Protein backbone atom coordinates (compact mmCIF):
# COMPACT_ATOMS: atom_id res chain seq x y z
CA MET A 1 0.00 0.00 0.00
CA GLN A 2 1.12 3.54 -0.73
CA VAL A 3 0.05 6.76 0.96
CA ARG A 4 0.34 10.26 -0.47
CA VAL A 5 0.29 13.22 1.92
CA THR A 6 -0.15 16.70 0.45
CA LEU A 7 0.26 19.68 2.72
CA CYS A 8 -0.33 23.29 1.75
CA GLN A 9 -1.02 26.49 3.64
CA ARG A 10 -4.77 25.87 4.04
CA ALA A 11 -5.22 22.12 3.61
CA ILE A 12 -3.87 18.67 4.26
CA GLU A 13 -4.87 15.68 2.14
CA ILE A 14 -4.06 12.03 2.75
CA VAL A 15 -4.83 9.50 0.01
CA ASP A 16 -4.03 5.80 0.12
CA ASP A 17 -4.42 3.09 -2.50
CA GLY A 18 -5.79 0.47 -0.14
CA ARG A 19 -9.17 -1.20 -0.02
CA GLY A 20 -11.02 2.10 0.36
CA CYS A 21 -14.69 2.48 1.13
CA ALA A 22 -17.90 2.12 -0.81
CA VAL A 23 -19.43 5.56 -0.17
CA GLU A 24 -18.46 9.00 1.08
CA SER A 25 -18.34 8.90 4.84
CA THR A 26 -17.72 10.99 7.93
CA ALA A 27 -18.82 8.23 10.35
CA GLY A 28 -16.85 7.26 13.39
CA PRO A 29 -15.73 9.23 16.43
CA GLY A 30 -12.28 10.05 15.04
CA LEU A 31 -13.53 11.57 11.81
CA ALA A 32 -16.45 13.24 13.58
CA GLY A 33 -14.08 14.88 16.04
CA LEU A 34 -11.79 16.02 13.24
CA ALA A 35 -14.78 17.44 11.35
CA GLU A 36 -15.86 19.35 14.47
CA ARG A 37 -12.39 20.85 14.94
CA ALA A 38 -12.21 21.87 11.28
CA ALA A 39 -15.70 23.41 11.46
CA ALA A 40 -14.71 25.38 14.57
CA LEU A 41 -12.07 27.06 12.38
CA GLY A 42 -14.56 27.66 9.55
CA GLY A 43 -13.18 24.70 7.58
CA ARG A 44 -14.44 21.36 6.38
CA LEU A 45 -13.54 17.69 6.33
CA ILE A 46 -13.84 15.59 3.18
CA ALA A 47 -13.60 11.82 3.62
CA GLY A 48 -14.47 9.06 1.20
CA PRO A 49 -13.33 7.14 -1.85
CA ALA A 50 -9.97 8.21 -3.27
CA GLU A 51 -11.42 8.42 -6.79
CA ALA A 52 -12.21 12.07 -6.03
CA ALA A 53 -8.44 12.64 -5.87
CA GLY A 54 -7.73 10.78 -9.12
CA ALA A 55 -6.87 7.38 -7.63
CA THR A 56 -8.42 4.14 -8.88
CA GLN A 57 -9.07 2.80 -5.37
CA GLY A 58 -8.37 3.70 -1.78
CA PHE A 59 -9.45 6.29 0.76
CA ARG A 60 -9.14 10.08 0.80
CA LEU A 61 -9.10 12.35 3.83
CA ARG A 62 -8.85 16.10 3.31
CA VAL A 63 -9.15 18.95 5.79
CA GLU A 64 -9.44 22.51 4.46
CA VAL A 65 -9.50 25.72 6.50
CA PRO A 66 -10.01 29.29 5.27
């Protein structure tokens, strides 16, 4: 498995090429907590299939803040 981490001034994105998930998801206490912290800063959490990041399979987690 490979993982790509992209970090810029207002976002971090982690994409792996593993098994992935079937649908977009923010379920689970870890992701919910991360979404709450991003929202408190006016940002957002994106979590789901890596296809949105151009991968053929895997999982994508992205946090963006203004």
